Amino acid sequence: MTLRSSRRAVLALALAATAATPAFADRVIHMVVPFGPGAVQDTVARTFSQELGKELGASVLVENKPGAGGTVGTLQAAKAPGDGNTLVLAAASHTLAGHLYSKLGYDPIKDFTGVAYIGNSGYVIAAPSNLGVNNLADYVKLLKSKPGQFNYASAGNGSATHLGMAYFLSKAGAEMQHVPMKSTGDAVNEVLAGRVQGVTSAVVGLVGFKQDPRIKLLAYTGTQRSRFMPDLPTAAEAGVPGYKFDSWIGVLTPSTTPKAEVDKLNAALNKVLALPEVQQRLANLGVESGPNMSVDDFQKLLKADYEQAGVLVKASGARIE
């Protein structure tokens, strides 16, 4: 083969490859995670981003945009073009923010459309072992005997870990002082060190400490026991009836995105989330995978959760100016 013919062959192969590549191969989808690396939302986003890219023939970039309890990144996403190329990996903090912040800059319901429901993550109430309690009933009894004399840590003012514990205390009729930290990991570390007397964390933040002698897991906050901790009773079973606190996890997009595009994203996400390998990754994080939801069903869930979030915020007394 001559040099000229060789060049022609290479050019032909390049043109053929270009022709075989779909027009959307250069598409870039930005999946905004409004929290820092290592947060629950960040970890969940990375469990399926690669598979979603393959399904859509696009590059899916997970982008951490933390700040102000998740509202900084969410505000940026709310203002993004509604072209289907901006997604938000959201959880209960999304709807809580609508009641916490007096100047949010966006409406958690009106400015977003729910694309796909991923699942649910319950929380665990825990205390340091040096407190000497072995179950939730004894814990509540001790707290009531010394109102306001014990502390609990959270991931910060207005965080889900703050509101979940505040709501628990209101249901239990007990009082504790709140110690805000920078992250859930920091809050759990305060309990492990015995410097505070309580914390509530998503399962993923405590599942690795089930056998740790420094901490006592007291109750699960869901309505049913977690399949990841089946021996741990629910708070209602353990003596605090009516208490339930968990977090949905899902993908949102700006509400200006056309319905046809949202439906395509919904179908792609539901297909990817059903993959066995993705299901296993979510299970490893303590996420209870939910049923595939239509866009309309997920939007109904968001609206119902927004109403419940108002109850939680009111019980906590939290407000952020």
Protein backbone atom coordinates (compact mmCIF):
# COMPACT_ATOMS: atom_id res chain seq x y z
CA MET A 1 0.00 0.00 0.00
CA THR A 2 1.37 3.44 -0.97
CA LEU A 3 1.63 6.29 1.52
CA ARG A 4 -1.15 8.15 -0.30
CA SER A 5 -3.52 5.17 -0.27
CA SER A 6 -2.70 4.54 3.38
CA ARG A 7 -3.67 8.09 4.23
CA ARG A 8 -6.90 7.69 2.26
CA ALA A 9 -7.70 4.51 4.21
CA VAL A 10 -7.10 6.21 7.56
CA LEU A 11 -9.26 9.15 6.51
CA ALA A 12 -12.03 6.80 5.39
CA LEU A 13 -11.97 5.00 8.74
CA ALA A 14 -12.10 8.31 10.60
CA LEU A 15 -15.06 9.49 8.52
CA ALA A 16 -16.84 6.18 9.07
CA ALA A 17 -16.31 6.41 12.81
CA THR A 18 -17.63 9.96 12.82
CA ALA A 19 -20.71 8.95 10.86
CA ALA A 20 -21.38 6.06 13.26
CA THR A 21 -21.18 8.32 16.31
CA PRO A 22 -24.58 9.67 17.36
CA ALA A 23 -25.05 13.41 17.15
CA PHE A 24 -25.44 13.62 20.94
CA ALA A 25 -22.08 11.99 21.68
CA ASP A 26 -20.70 15.43 22.55
CA ARG A 27 -23.54 16.11 24.96
CA VAL A 28 -22.45 16.94 28.49
CA ILE A 29 -24.88 16.51 31.37
CA HIS A 30 -24.03 18.30 34.60
CA MET A 31 -25.23 16.45 37.69
CA VAL A 32 -25.05 18.99 40.49
CA VAL A 33 -24.44 17.67 43.99
CA PRO A 34 -25.10 20.61 46.36
CA PHE A 35 -22.84 19.09 49.02
CA GLY A 36 -19.14 18.31 49.23
CA PRO A 37 -17.29 15.13 48.20
CA GLY A 38 -18.13 12.17 50.39
CA ALA A 39 -21.61 13.37 51.33
CA VAL A 40 -24.44 10.87 50.91
CA GLN A 41 -25.73 12.63 47.78
CA ASP A 42 -22.25 12.73 46.26
CA THR A 43 -21.67 9.03 46.84
CA VAL A 44 -25.07 8.11 45.45
CA ALA A 45 -24.57 10.23 42.33
CA ARG A 46 -21.36 8.41 41.54
CA THR A 47 -22.98 4.98 41.80
CA PHE A 48 -24.79 5.39 38.49
CA SER A 49 -23.38 8.43 36.64
CA GLN A 50 -21.23 6.34 34.31
CA GLU A 51 -24.07 4.00 33.36
CA LEU A 52 -26.39 6.97 32.80
CA GLY A 53 -23.86 8.49 30.44
CA LYS A 54 -23.75 5.30 28.42
CA GLU A 55 -27.52 5.08 28.29
CA LEU A 56 -27.86 8.67 27.06
CA GLY A 57 -24.77 8.68 24.86
CA ALA A 58 -23.42 11.59 26.84
CA SER A 59 -20.79 12.53 29.38
CA VAL A 60 -22.27 12.87 32.86
CA LEU A 61 -20.17 15.10 35.08
CA VAL A 62 -20.81 14.97 38.82
CA GLU A 63 -20.17 18.50 40.10
CA ASN A 64 -19.91 19.28 43.82
CA LYS A 65 -21.25 22.74 44.62
CA PRO A 66 -21.54 22.86 48.42
CA GLY A 67 -22.56 25.74 50.63
CA ALA A 68 -25.36 27.03 52.88
CA GLY A 69 -26.93 23.65 53.55
CA GLY A 70 -27.06 22.70 49.89
CA THR A 71 -28.82 25.88 48.74
CA VAL A 72 -25.86 27.40 46.86
CA GLY A 73 -25.58 24.61 44.30
CA THR A 74 -29.34 24.18 44.10
CA LEU A 75 -29.81 27.87 43.31
CA GLN A 76 -27.27 27.62 40.48
CA ALA A 77 -29.12 24.62 39.09
CA ALA A 78 -32.47 26.42 39.33
CA LYS A 79 -31.10 29.19 37.12
CA ALA A 80 -29.59 26.82 34.54
CA PRO A 81 -31.11 26.47 31.05
CA GLY A 82 -33.97 23.99 30.87
CA ASP A 83 -32.37 21.87 28.18
CA GLY A 84 -32.13 18.58 30.04
CA ASN A 85 -28.41 18.96 30.60
CA THR A 86 -28.59 20.04 34.25
CA LEU A 87 -29.63 17.59 36.93
CA VAL A 88 -29.58 17.83 40.72
CA LEU A 89 -28.99 14.89 43.06
CA ALA A 90 -31.33 15.90 45.86
CA ALA A 91 -32.68 14.57 49.14
CA ALA A 92 -34.92 15.72 51.99
CA SER A 93 -32.73 18.77 52.60
CA HIS A 94 -34.15 20.13 49.33
CA THR A 95 -37.69 20.42 50.68
CA LEU A 96 -36.56 21.36 54.20
CA ALA A 97 -34.74 24.38 52.80
CA GLY A 98 -38.02 25.87 51.61
CA HIS A 99 -39.14 26.27 55.22
CA LEU A 100 -35.77 27.06 56.80
CA TYR A 101 -34.49 29.95 54.73
CA SER A 102 -36.25 33.31 54.60
CA LYS A 103 -34.36 34.32 51.42
CA LEU A 104 -33.81 31.17 49.41
CA GLY A 105 -33.77 32.57 45.87
CA TYR A 106 -35.75 29.65 44.42
CA ASP A 107 -38.86 27.59 45.12
CA PRO A 108 -38.03 23.91 45.86
CA ILE A 109 -41.25 22.76 44.19
CA LYS A 110 -42.12 25.32 41.51
CA ASP A 111 -38.59 25.72 40.15
CA PHE A 112 -37.82 22.00 39.82
CA THR A 113 -39.31 18.90 38.25
CA GLY A 114 -38.73 15.49 39.78
CA VAL A 115 -37.06 13.32 37.15
CA ALA A 116 -36.50 10.01 38.95
CA TYR A 117 -36.90 8.57 42.42
CA ILE A 118 -33.84 6.61 43.54
CA GLY A 119 -34.81 5.35 46.96
CA ASN A 120 -34.99 6.07 50.64
CA SER A 121 -32.40 6.40 53.37
CA GLY A 122 -33.49 6.06 56.96
CA TYR A 123 -31.62 7.45 59.93
CA VAL A 124 -30.22 5.97 63.13
CA ILE A 125 -30.28 7.50 66.61
CA ALA A 126 -27.05 6.81 68.46
CA ALA A 127 -25.35 7.65 71.73
CA PRO A 128 -21.85 7.16 73.14
CA SER A 129 -21.37 3.92 75.02
CA ASN A 130 -20.01 5.78 78.04
CA LEU A 131 -23.50 7.16 78.62
CA GLY A 132 -24.49 3.74 79.92
CA VAL A 133 -27.80 3.28 78.08
CA ASN A 134 -28.64 0.16 76.10
CA ASN A 135 -31.96 1.04 74.48
CA LEU A 136 -34.02 4.01 73.39
CA ALA A 137 -36.41 3.86 76.34
CA ASP A 138 -33.53 4.17 78.82
CA TYR A 139 -32.04 6.97 76.72
CA VAL A 140 -35.26 8.99 76.81
CA LYS A 141 -35.62 8.36 80.54
CA LEU A 142 -32.11 9.68 81.16
CA LEU A 143 -32.65 12.76 79.00
CA LYS A 144 -35.88 13.57 80.82
CA SER A 145 -34.17 13.25 84.19
CA LYS A 146 -31.68 15.97 83.25
CA PRO A 147 -33.45 18.30 80.80
CA GLY A 148 -31.08 20.41 78.73
CA GLN A 149 -27.95 19.02 80.39
CA PHE A 150 -26.89 16.78 77.49
CA ASN A 151 -25.73 17.74 74.00
CA TYR A 152 -26.27 16.33 70.54
CA ALA A 153 -24.22 17.02 67.41
CA SER A 154 -25.38 17.51 63.84
CA ALA A 155 -24.04 18.40 60.41
CA GLY A 156 -25.05 22.04 60.99
CA ASN A 157 -27.99 24.32 61.63
CA GLY A 158 -30.95 23.30 59.52
CA SER A 159 -29.35 20.06 58.32
CA ALA A 160 -31.39 16.87 58.18
CA THR A 161 -29.36 15.53 61.10
CA HIS A 162 -30.29 18.61 63.14
CA LEU A 163 -33.98 18.53 62.31
CA GLY A 164 -34.27 14.76 62.67
CA MET A 165 -32.94 14.89 66.22
CA ALA A 166 -34.94 17.98 67.13
CA TYR A 167 -38.12 16.29 65.92
CA PHE A 168 -37.26 13.16 67.89
CA LEU A 169 -36.79 15.18 71.08
CA SER A 170 -40.11 16.95 70.58
CA LYS A 171 -41.88 13.60 70.16
CA ALA A 172 -40.08 12.12 73.17
CA GLY A 173 -40.73 15.15 75.36
CA ALA A 174 -37.02 15.56 76.10
CA GLU A 175 -34.51 18.40 75.83
CA MET A 176 -30.89 18.52 74.65
CA GLN A 177 -28.52 21.28 73.56
CA HIS A 178 -27.62 21.41 69.88
CA VAL A 179 -23.94 21.45 68.84
CA PRO A 180 -23.66 22.15 65.07
CA MET A 181 -20.64 20.70 63.27
CA LYS A 182 -19.44 20.99 59.67
CA SER A 183 -20.47 17.52 58.54
CA THR A 184 -22.21 14.33 59.62
CA GLY A 185 -18.82 12.66 59.92
CA ASP A 186 -17.69 15.32 62.39
CA ALA A 187 -20.90 14.87 64.39
CA VAL A 188 -20.45 11.09 64.56
CA ASN A 189 -16.84 11.57 65.65
CA GLU A 190 -18.02 13.72 68.58
CA VAL A 191 -20.18 10.80 69.74
CA LEU A 192 -17.36 8.29 69.25
CA ALA A 193 -15.14 10.48 71.41
CA GLY A 194 -17.85 10.78 74.07
CA ARG A 195 -17.90 14.58 73.86
CA VAL A 196 -21.61 14.75 73.01
CA GLN A 197 -24.43 12.46 74.04
CA GLY A 198 -26.36 11.94 70.85
CA VAL A 199 -26.56 12.08 67.08
CA THR A 200 -28.87 11.05 64.30
CA SER A 201 -27.28 10.03 61.00
CA ALA A 202 -28.30 8.43 57.75
CA VAL A 203 -27.64 4.69 57.76
CA VAL A 204 -24.64 5.14 55.48
CA GLY A 205 -22.95 7.26 58.16
CA LEU A 206 -23.30 4.64 60.92
CA VAL A 207 -23.55 1.24 59.26
CA GLY A 208 -19.78 0.80 59.62
CA PHE A 209 -19.96 1.29 63.39
CA LYS A 210 -22.40 -1.50 64.25
CA GLN A 211 -19.70 -3.40 66.16
CA ASP A 212 -17.78 -0.37 67.45
CA PRO A 213 -17.63 -0.48 71.27
CA ARG A 214 -17.55 3.31 71.50
CA ILE A 215 -21.08 3.86 70.21
CA LYS A 216 -24.52 2.44 70.87
CA LEU A 217 -27.04 2.36 68.02
CA LEU A 218 -30.42 2.83 69.69
CA ALA A 219 -33.13 2.97 67.05
CA TYR A 220 -33.94 3.26 63.38
CA THR A 221 -36.09 6.21 62.34
CA GLY A 222 -38.13 4.58 59.55
CA THR A 223 -41.61 3.12 59.84
CA GLN A 224 -40.19 -0.39 59.32
CA ARG A 225 -36.86 -1.90 60.32
CA SER A 226 -33.98 -1.40 57.94
CA ARG A 227 -32.95 -4.47 55.96
CA PHE A 228 -29.38 -3.33 56.56
CA MET A 229 -29.85 -3.38 60.36
CA PRO A 230 -32.72 -5.82 60.95
CA ASP A 231 -31.92 -6.24 64.65
CA LEU A 232 -32.30 -2.52 65.34
CA PRO A 233 -35.85 -1.59 66.43
CA THR A 234 -37.66 1.40 65.01
CA ALA A 235 -38.10 4.40 67.29
CA ALA A 236 -41.82 3.67 67.42
CA GLU A 237 -41.14 0.07 68.53
CA ALA A 238 -38.64 1.31 71.10
CA GLY A 239 -41.02 3.65 72.87
CA VAL A 240 -41.47 6.87 70.87
CA PRO A 241 -44.71 6.34 68.94
CA GLY A 242 -45.46 8.62 66.03
CA TYR A 243 -41.82 9.41 65.31
CA LYS A 244 -40.68 8.86 61.74
CA PHE A 245 -37.81 10.53 59.92
CA ASP A 246 -36.20 9.46 56.69
CA SER A 247 -35.01 10.95 53.45
CA TRP A 248 -35.98 10.34 49.86
CA ILE A 249 -33.18 10.53 47.31
CA GLY A 250 -33.83 11.48 43.71
CA VAL A 251 -32.87 13.42 40.63
CA LEU A 252 -34.38 16.80 39.75
CA THR A 253 -34.07 19.17 36.81
CA PRO A 254 -35.10 22.82 36.31
CA SER A 255 -38.86 23.12 35.78
CA THR A 256 -38.28 24.92 32.47
CA THR A 257 -37.13 21.63 30.94
CA PRO A 258 -39.68 20.42 28.32
CA LYS A 259 -41.82 17.47 29.42
CA ALA A 260 -40.67 15.32 26.49
CA GLU A 261 -37.07 15.72 27.62
CA VAL A 262 -37.96 15.02 31.24
CA ASP A 263 -39.76 11.83 30.21
CA LYS A 264 -36.67 10.68 28.26
CA LEU A 265 -34.46 11.32 31.29
CA ASN A 266 -36.93 9.48 33.51
CA ALA A 267 -36.90 6.41 31.28
CA ALA A 268 -33.10 6.40 31.08
CA LEU A 269 -32.62 6.82 34.82
CA ASN A 270 -35.18 4.16 35.70
CA LYS A 271 -33.44 1.72 33.35
CA VAL A 272 -30.02 2.46 34.85
CA LEU A 273 -31.23 2.34 38.45
CA ALA A 274 -32.66 -1.14 37.83
CA LEU A 275 -29.26 -2.56 36.82
CA PRO A 276 -28.11 -5.22 39.32
CA GLU A 277 -24.69 -3.64 39.77
CA VAL A 278 -26.23 -0.23 40.52
CA GLN A 279 -28.71 -1.81 42.90
CA GLN A 280 -25.84 -3.46 44.77
CA ARG A 281 -23.89 -0.22 45.03
CA LEU A 282 -26.92 1.56 46.47
CA ALA A 283 -27.46 -1.28 48.92
CA ASN A 284 -23.86 -0.96 50.08
CA LEU A 285 -24.68 2.65 50.98
CA GLY A 286 -27.73 1.69 53.00
CA VAL A 287 -30.15 3.05 50.42
CA GLU A 288 -33.48 1.25 50.23
CA SER A 289 -34.08 1.28 46.48
CA GLY A 290 -37.58 2.32 45.63
CA PRO A 291 -39.96 1.45 42.82
CA ASN A 292 -39.54 3.11 39.45
CA MET A 293 -41.71 6.22 39.54
CA SER A 294 -43.19 8.23 36.74
CA VAL A 295 -42.47 11.93 36.64
CA ASP A 296 -45.95 12.71 37.92
CA ASP A 297 -45.72 10.26 40.83
CA PHE A 298 -42.35 11.60 41.92
CA GLN A 299 -43.66 15.17 41.76
CA LYS A 300 -46.53 14.16 44.06
CA LEU A 301 -44.00 12.68 46.50
CA LEU A 302 -42.02 15.94 46.48
CA LYS A 303 -45.10 18.02 47.26
CA ALA A 304 -46.14 15.71 50.11
CA ASP A 305 -42.62 15.76 51.53
CA TYR A 306 -42.58 19.55 51.34
CA GLU A 307 -45.63 19.67 53.60
CA GLN A 308 -44.04 17.23 56.05
CA ALA A 309 -40.85 19.29 56.02
CA GLY A 310 -42.82 22.23 57.33
CA VAL A 311 -43.87 20.15 60.34
CA LEU A 312 -40.27 19.17 61.05
CA VAL A 313 -38.93 22.70 60.81
CA LYS A 314 -41.68 24.01 63.07
CA ALA A 315 -40.92 21.32 65.67
CA SER A 316 -37.22 22.20 65.62
CA GLY A 317 -37.74 25.94 65.88
CA ALA A 318 -34.94 26.38 63.34
CA ARG A 319 -34.84 29.42 61.07
CA ILE A 320 -32.01 30.71 58.89
CA GLU A 321 -32.00 34.32 57.73
